[in-house]
Amino acid sequence: MRTYELMYIVDPRVPDEEVTALTEDVKGLLTAKGGQVVREEQWGRRKLAYPINKLKEGKYTLFYLAGEPGELSIDEVEFRMRQNDNILRYLTVRTDEDYKRAGMPLPTEAPPVEETDDEDAPAASGGGEEEE
């Protein structure tokens, strides 16, 4: 299974409702092409590293994707993003090789993190000794 991270930046003048609709369209296109959206993060409005079309901010969205090598079609998703004038920039990075080199489990294989009760958790004080 291959994993990817897909980030895109939307024009900050686009209303939030349209950004949400665009996100749903991208998610639908990814799942229709055989991919699985593992996680989605809306980073909101952030400053750009450099001006793009005289804009200094953009609305960031990040997808964590997974799919089999022959099923997930990143090319078509990128083609659609290239045609959309509201998307300033996009970047897709294949991450499964990086996880393997680091000896970490893939995001789709990671066990869920269990929350601990406050009573069972160790005390948060620095060394157990309080200064007066």
C-alpha atoms as a PDB file:
ATOM      1  CA  MET A   1       0.000   0.000   0.000  1.00  0.00           C
ATOM      2  CA  ARG A   2       1.266   3.459  -0.876  1.00  0.00           C
ATOM      3  CA  THR A   3       0.674   6.543   1.229  1.00  0.00           C
ATOM      4  CA  TYR A   4       0.661  10.158   0.124  1.00  0.00           C
ATOM      5  CA  GLU A   5       0.253  13.628   1.560  1.00  0.00           C
ATOM      6  CA  LEU A   6      -1.646  16.096  -0.608  1.00  0.00           C
ATOM      7  CA  MET A   7      -1.648  19.763   0.370  1.00  0.00           C
ATOM      8  CA  TYR A   8      -3.227  22.593  -1.525  1.00  0.00           C
ATOM      9  CA  ILE A   9      -3.617  26.323  -0.961  1.00  0.00           C
ATOM     10  CA  VAL A  10      -6.843  28.089  -1.900  1.00  0.00           C
ATOM     11  CA  ASP A  11      -7.196  31.790  -2.713  1.00  0.00           C
ATOM     12  CA  PRO A  12      -8.047  33.610   0.565  1.00  0.00           C
ATOM     13  CA  ARG A  13     -10.805  35.623  -1.159  1.00  0.00           C
ATOM     14  CA  VAL A  14     -12.835  32.432  -1.719  1.00  0.00           C
ATOM     15  CA  PRO A  15     -15.644  32.087   0.876  1.00  0.00           C
ATOM     16  CA  ASP A  16     -15.372  29.285   3.446  1.00  0.00           C
ATOM     17  CA  GLU A  17     -18.456  27.525   2.022  1.00  0.00           C
ATOM     18  CA  GLU A  18     -16.766  27.222  -1.365  1.00  0.00           C
ATOM     19  CA  VAL A  19     -13.549  25.960   0.257  1.00  0.00           C
ATOM     20  CA  THR A  20     -15.587  23.287   2.044  1.00  0.00           C
ATOM     21  CA  ALA A  21     -17.295  22.329  -1.212  1.00  0.00           C
ATOM     22  CA  LEU A  22     -13.921  22.203  -2.987  1.00  0.00           C
ATOM     23  CA  THR A  23     -12.548  19.973  -0.229  1.00  0.00           C
ATOM     24  CA  GLU A  24     -15.503  17.600  -0.587  1.00  0.00           C
ATOM     25  CA  ASP A  25     -15.019  17.528  -4.371  1.00  0.00           C
ATOM     26  CA  VAL A  26     -11.338  16.649  -4.015  1.00  0.00           C
ATOM     27  CA  LYS A  27     -12.151  14.001  -1.409  1.00  0.00           C
ATOM     28  CA  GLY A  28     -14.829  12.514  -3.664  1.00  0.00           C
ATOM     29  CA  LEU A  29     -12.458  12.447  -6.616  1.00  0.00           C
ATOM     30  CA  LEU A  30      -9.783  10.695  -4.543  1.00  0.00           C
ATOM     31  CA  THR A  31     -12.145   8.030  -3.221  1.00  0.00           C
ATOM     32  CA  ALA A  32     -13.721   7.515  -6.653  1.00  0.00           C
ATOM     33  CA  LYS A  33     -10.282   6.786  -8.081  1.00  0.00           C
ATOM     34  CA  GLY A  34      -9.605   4.014  -5.562  1.00  0.00           C
ATOM     35  CA  GLY A  35      -7.947   6.001  -2.816  1.00  0.00           C
ATOM     36  CA  GLN A  36      -8.700   6.220   0.847  1.00  0.00           C
ATOM     37  CA  VAL A  37      -8.582   9.505   2.754  1.00  0.00           C
ATOM     38  CA  VAL A  38      -6.965   8.513   6.041  1.00  0.00           C
ATOM     39  CA  ARG A  39      -7.044  11.966   7.612  1.00  0.00           C
ATOM     40  CA  GLU A  40      -7.932  15.522   6.620  1.00  0.00           C
ATOM     41  CA  GLU A  41      -6.646  18.704   8.227  1.00  0.00           C
ATOM     42  CA  GLN A  42      -7.937  22.221   7.647  1.00  0.00           C
ATOM     43  CA  TRP A  43      -5.131  24.587   8.593  1.00  0.00           C
ATOM     44  CA  GLY A  44      -7.145  27.698   7.856  1.00  0.00           C
ATOM     45  CA  ARG A  45      -5.768  31.008   6.697  1.00  0.00           C
ATOM     46  CA  ARG A  46      -1.969  31.299   6.862  1.00  0.00           C
ATOM     47  CA  LYS A  47       0.724  33.544   5.503  1.00  0.00           C
ATOM     48  CA  LEU A  48       2.417  32.367   2.304  1.00  0.00           C
ATOM     49  CA  ALA A  49       6.193  31.996   2.124  1.00  0.00           C
ATOM     50  CA  TYR A  50       6.227  34.300  -0.905  1.00  0.00           C
ATOM     51  CA  PRO A  51       3.534  36.295  -2.740  1.00  0.00           C
ATOM     52  CA  ILE A  52       1.500  34.404  -5.338  1.00  0.00           C
ATOM     53  CA  ASN A  53      -0.532  36.557  -7.749  1.00  0.00           C
ATOM     54  CA  LYS A  54       0.019  39.507  -5.351  1.00  0.00           C
ATOM     55  CA  LEU A  55      -1.588  37.544  -2.494  1.00  0.00           C
ATOM     56  CA  LYS A  56       0.209  37.134   0.826  1.00  0.00           C
ATOM     57  CA  GLU A  57      -2.169  34.621   2.482  1.00  0.00           C
ATOM     58  CA  GLY A  58      -3.936  31.414   1.555  1.00  0.00           C
ATOM     59  CA  LYS A  59      -6.275  28.780   3.005  1.00  0.00           C
ATOM     60  CA  TYR A  60      -4.413  25.505   3.541  1.00  0.00           C
ATOM     61  CA  THR A  61      -5.849  21.969   3.391  1.00  0.00           C
ATOM     62  CA  LEU A  62      -3.889  18.759   3.949  1.00  0.00           C
ATOM     63  CA  PHE A  63      -4.984  15.202   3.073  1.00  0.00           C
ATOM     64  CA  TYR A  64      -3.283  11.976   4.151  1.00  0.00           C
ATOM     65  CA  LEU A  65      -4.045   9.349   1.488  1.00  0.00           C
ATOM     66  CA  ALA A  66      -3.589   5.615   1.056  1.00  0.00           C
ATOM     67  CA  GLY A  67      -4.160   3.308  -1.870  1.00  0.00           C
ATOM     68  CA  GLU A  68      -2.879   0.408  -3.876  1.00  0.00           C
ATOM     69  CA  PRO A  69      -0.297   1.207  -6.590  1.00  0.00           C
ATOM     70  CA  GLY A  70      -2.577   0.633  -9.586  1.00  0.00           C
ATOM     71  CA  GLU A  71      -5.777   2.020  -8.107  1.00  0.00           C
ATOM     72  CA  LEU A  72      -5.013   5.504  -6.819  1.00  0.00           C
ATOM     73  CA  SER A  73      -4.776   8.030  -9.658  1.00  0.00           C
ATOM     74  CA  ILE A  74      -2.943  11.086  -8.346  1.00  0.00           C
ATOM     75  CA  ASP A  75      -2.362  12.379 -11.888  1.00  0.00           C
ATOM     76  CA  GLU A  76      -6.039  13.092 -12.540  1.00  0.00           C
ATOM     77  CA  VAL A  77      -6.471  14.821  -9.181  1.00  0.00           C
ATOM     78  CA  GLU A  78      -3.478  17.048  -9.896  1.00  0.00           C
ATOM     79  CA  PHE A  79      -4.831  17.751 -13.398  1.00  0.00           C
ATOM     80  CA  ARG A  80      -8.128  18.963 -11.923  1.00  0.00           C
ATOM     81  CA  MET A  81      -6.296  21.128  -9.373  1.00  0.00           C
ATOM     82  CA  ARG A  82      -4.185  22.662 -12.119  1.00  0.00           C
ATOM     83  CA  GLN A  83      -7.373  23.696 -13.965  1.00  0.00           C
ATOM     84  CA  ASN A  84      -9.047  25.249 -10.898  1.00  0.00           C
ATOM     85  CA  ASP A  85      -8.275  28.978 -10.667  1.00  0.00           C
ATOM     86  CA  ASN A  86      -9.109  29.088  -6.939  1.00  0.00           C
ATOM     87  CA  ILE A  87      -6.205  26.757  -6.088  1.00  0.00           C
ATOM     88  CA  LEU A  88      -2.963  28.741  -5.874  1.00  0.00           C
ATOM     89  CA  ARG A  89      -0.566  25.824  -5.316  1.00  0.00           C
ATOM     90  CA  TYR A  90      -0.689  22.092  -4.600  1.00  0.00           C
ATOM     91  CA  LEU A  91       1.875  19.467  -3.703  1.00  0.00           C
ATOM     92  CA  THR A  92       1.626  15.686  -3.541  1.00  0.00           C
ATOM     93  CA  VAL A  93       4.336  13.714  -1.747  1.00  0.00           C
ATOM     94  CA  ARG A  94       4.643   9.936  -1.594  1.00  0.00           C
ATOM     95  CA  THR A  95       5.435   9.061   2.028  1.00  0.00           C
ATOM     96  CA  ASP A  96       5.419   5.259   2.317  1.00  0.00           C
ATOM     97  CA  GLU A  97       9.116   4.956   1.407  1.00  0.00           C
ATOM     98  CA  ASP A  98      10.002   7.508   4.095  1.00  0.00           C
ATOM     99  CA  TYR A  99       8.045   5.555   6.704  1.00  0.00           C
ATOM    100  CA  LYS A 100       9.828   2.342   5.725  1.00  0.00           C
ATOM    101  CA  ARG A 101      13.282   3.970   5.923  1.00  0.00           C
ATOM    102  CA  ALA A 102      12.450   5.395   9.343  1.00  0.00           C
ATOM    103  CA  GLY A 103      11.137   2.027  10.572  1.00  0.00           C
ATOM    104  CA  MET A 104       7.755   3.530  11.427  1.00  0.00           C
ATOM    105  CA  PRO A 105       4.353   1.950  10.734  1.00  0.00           C
ATOM    106  CA  LEU A 106       2.307   3.403   7.891  1.00  0.00           C
ATOM    107  CA  PRO A 107      -0.478   5.777   9.019  1.00  0.00           C
ATOM    108  CA  THR A 108      -3.060   3.196   7.941  1.00  0.00           C
ATOM    109  CA  GLU A 109      -1.412   0.510  10.101  1.00  0.00           C
ATOM    110  CA  ALA A 110      -0.817   2.545  13.255  1.00  0.00           C
ATOM    111  CA  PRO A 111      -2.795   1.383  16.296  1.00  0.00           C
ATOM    112  CA  PRO A 112      -5.226   3.933  17.755  1.00  0.00           C
ATOM    113  CA  VAL A 113      -3.912   6.030  20.604  1.00  0.00           C
ATOM    114  CA  GLU A 114      -5.688   5.258  23.839  1.00  0.00           C
ATOM    115  CA  GLU A 115      -6.511   8.047  26.248  1.00  0.00           C
ATOM    116  CA  THR A 116      -5.459   7.608  29.846  1.00  0.00           C
ATOM    117  CA  ASP A 117      -7.476   8.572  32.887  1.00  0.00           C
ATOM    118  CA  ASP A 118      -6.205  11.521  34.890  1.00  0.00           C
ATOM    119  CA  GLU A 119      -5.975   9.349  38.024  1.00  0.00           C
ATOM    120  CA  ASP A 120      -3.707   6.782  36.361  1.00  0.00           C
ATOM    121  CA  ALA A 121      -1.478   9.361  34.655  1.00  0.00           C
ATOM    122  CA  PRO A 122       1.807  10.247  36.350  1.00  0.00           C
ATOM    123  CA  ALA A 123       1.993  13.606  38.082  1.00  0.00           C
ATOM    124  CA  ALA A 124       3.010  16.472  35.847  1.00  0.00           C
ATOM    125  CA  SER A 125       5.220  18.156  38.417  1.00  0.00           C
ATOM    126  CA  GLY A 126       8.881  18.513  37.444  1.00  0.00           C
ATOM    127  CA  GLY A 127      10.679  16.442  40.061  1.00  0.00           C
ATOM    128  CA  GLY A 128       8.191  15.809  42.755  1.00  0.00           C
ATOM    129  CA  GLU A 129       9.745  18.472  44.992  1.00  0.00           C
ATOM    130  CA  GLU A 130       8.137  21.841  45.416  1.00  0.00           C
ATOM    131  CA  GLU A 131      10.108  24.974  46.145  1.00  0.00           C
ATOM    132  CA  GLU A 132       8.867  27.347  48.805  1.00  0.00           C
END
